[in-house]
Amino acid sequence: MSKTGVLIAAMLMMLIAIGPVGVTLEGQAPPSEILRRVKTRVQPDYPELARRMNIAGTVKVEVVVAANGSVKDAKVIGGHPVLANAALEAVKKWRFEPAALESSGVVDFKFGSRN
């Protein structure tokens, strides 16, 4: 096989490996899904300020998962600012199943008066 053919095959394998299989807290399909199953899931603490102000809603966090299953990077892409830090700190503690490549996707955290 030529170098070009090997390069194309490798790129296709990467695209397949990064393809969709979802990880959400409430079963809703995220805009960009994560390939791997969660091994350790940490629930966010409902911030006291949010509780006092009766703030509820969903925080969307984009995560990059390293090959070893740890969260390499995470950033908030949507949600109330009072709730955002709690979601971000929780998802950084998550662990996923290991894989050959890193992957990324979006995790939704739902906050409500029951938290």
Protein backbone atom coordinates (compact mmCIF):
# COMPACT_ATOMS: atom_id res chain seq x y z
CA MET A 1 0.00 0.00 0.00
CA SER A 2 1.30 3.47 -0.84
CA LYS A 3 2.08 6.11 1.79
CA THR A 4 -1.00 8.04 0.69
CA GLY A 5 -3.19 4.96 1.11
CA VAL A 6 -1.79 4.32 4.59
CA LEU A 7 -2.39 7.97 5.54
CA ILE A 8 -5.99 7.88 4.29
CA ALA A 9 -6.65 4.60 6.12
CA ALA A 10 -5.22 6.05 9.34
CA MET A 11 -7.35 9.18 9.02
CA LEU A 12 -10.50 7.12 8.45
CA MET A 13 -9.72 5.00 11.52
CA MET A 14 -9.35 8.18 13.59
CA LEU A 15 -12.69 9.51 12.36
CA ILE A 16 -14.40 6.22 13.19
CA ALA A 17 -12.80 6.15 16.66
CA ILE A 18 -14.06 9.66 17.42
CA GLY A 19 -17.59 8.91 16.20
CA PRO A 20 -20.74 9.20 18.35
CA VAL A 21 -21.83 7.16 21.36
CA GLY A 22 -23.36 9.34 24.07
CA VAL A 23 -22.64 10.11 27.70
CA THR A 24 -25.26 12.23 29.44
CA LEU A 25 -26.70 12.47 32.92
CA GLU A 26 -30.35 12.63 31.93
CA GLY A 27 -30.38 10.47 28.79
CA GLN A 28 -30.63 13.35 26.33
CA ALA A 29 -28.45 13.11 23.24
CA PRO A 30 -25.71 15.74 23.41
CA PRO A 31 -24.68 17.73 20.35
CA SER A 32 -21.31 15.96 20.24
CA GLU A 33 -21.10 12.59 21.92
CA ILE A 34 -18.32 10.77 23.75
CA LEU A 35 -17.16 7.37 22.53
CA ARG A 36 -16.43 5.78 25.88
CA ARG A 37 -18.38 4.55 28.84
CA VAL A 38 -17.99 6.37 32.16
CA LYS A 39 -16.26 4.28 34.84
CA THR A 40 -16.39 6.88 37.65
CA ARG A 41 -19.05 9.59 37.66
CA VAL A 42 -19.00 12.43 40.22
CA GLN A 43 -22.20 14.40 40.75
CA PRO A 44 -21.77 18.18 41.13
CA ASP A 45 -22.56 19.91 44.41
CA TYR A 46 -25.53 22.24 44.10
CA PRO A 47 -24.03 25.66 44.96
CA GLU A 48 -25.46 27.30 48.09
CA LEU A 49 -25.89 30.60 46.23
CA ALA A 50 -27.92 28.83 43.51
CA ARG A 51 -30.04 27.13 46.19
CA ARG A 52 -30.76 30.47 47.93
CA MET A 53 -31.56 32.17 44.61
CA ASN A 54 -33.61 29.16 43.44
CA ILE A 55 -31.50 28.84 40.26
CA ALA A 56 -32.04 25.71 38.19
CA GLY A 57 -31.02 24.64 34.71
CA THR A 58 -28.63 22.65 32.57
CA VAL A 59 -24.89 23.26 32.26
CA LYS A 60 -23.17 21.90 29.15
CA VAL A 61 -19.50 21.01 29.54
CA GLU A 62 -17.26 20.09 26.62
CA VAL A 63 -14.70 17.49 27.71
CA VAL A 64 -11.57 16.05 26.14
CA VAL A 65 -10.84 12.54 27.41
CA ALA A 66 -7.24 11.31 27.27
CA ALA A 67 -6.43 7.83 25.97
CA ASN A 68 -6.02 6.58 29.57
CA GLY A 69 -9.61 7.64 30.42
CA SER A 70 -8.87 10.74 32.50
CA VAL A 71 -10.41 14.11 31.66
CA LYS A 72 -7.65 16.05 29.91
CA ASP A 73 -9.57 19.30 29.45
CA ALA A 74 -13.04 20.65 30.19
CA LYS A 75 -14.79 23.92 29.47
CA VAL A 76 -18.30 25.21 30.02
CA ILE A 77 -20.14 25.88 26.76
CA GLY A 78 -23.56 26.71 28.16
CA GLY A 79 -25.58 27.21 31.31
CA HIS A 80 -26.01 29.57 34.24
CA PRO A 81 -22.71 31.03 35.50
CA VAL A 82 -23.60 30.31 39.15
CA LEU A 83 -23.91 26.59 38.31
CA ALA A 84 -21.02 26.37 35.84
CA ASN A 85 -18.11 25.94 38.25
CA ALA A 86 -19.80 23.08 40.14
CA ALA A 87 -20.36 21.18 36.88
CA LEU A 88 -16.81 21.84 35.71
CA GLU A 89 -15.24 20.65 38.96
CA ALA A 90 -17.36 17.48 38.98
CA VAL A 91 -16.61 16.43 35.40
CA LYS A 92 -12.86 16.89 35.93
CA LYS A 93 -13.09 14.01 38.46
CA TRP A 94 -14.79 11.63 36.00
CA ARG A 95 -12.92 8.60 34.63
CA PHE A 96 -13.73 6.86 31.36
CA GLU A 97 -12.73 3.50 29.91
CA PRO A 98 -9.28 3.63 28.25
CA ALA A 99 -9.05 3.75 24.44
CA ALA A 100 -6.39 3.99 21.76
CA LEU A 101 -7.07 7.69 21.08
CA GLU A 102 -8.37 10.68 22.98
CA SER A 103 -11.96 11.67 22.36
CA SER A 104 -14.18 14.64 23.10
CA GLY A 105 -17.82 15.47 23.56
CA VAL A 106 -20.41 17.27 25.65
CA VAL A 107 -21.80 16.29 29.05
CA ASP A 108 -25.05 17.81 30.36
CA PHE A 109 -25.48 18.47 34.08
CA LYS A 110 -29.04 19.20 35.25
CA PHE A 111 -29.47 21.32 38.37
CA GLY A 112 -32.81 21.76 40.06
CA SER A 113 -34.46 22.46 43.38
CA ARG A 114 -34.18 18.76 44.30
CA ASN A 115 -30.32 18.86 44.28
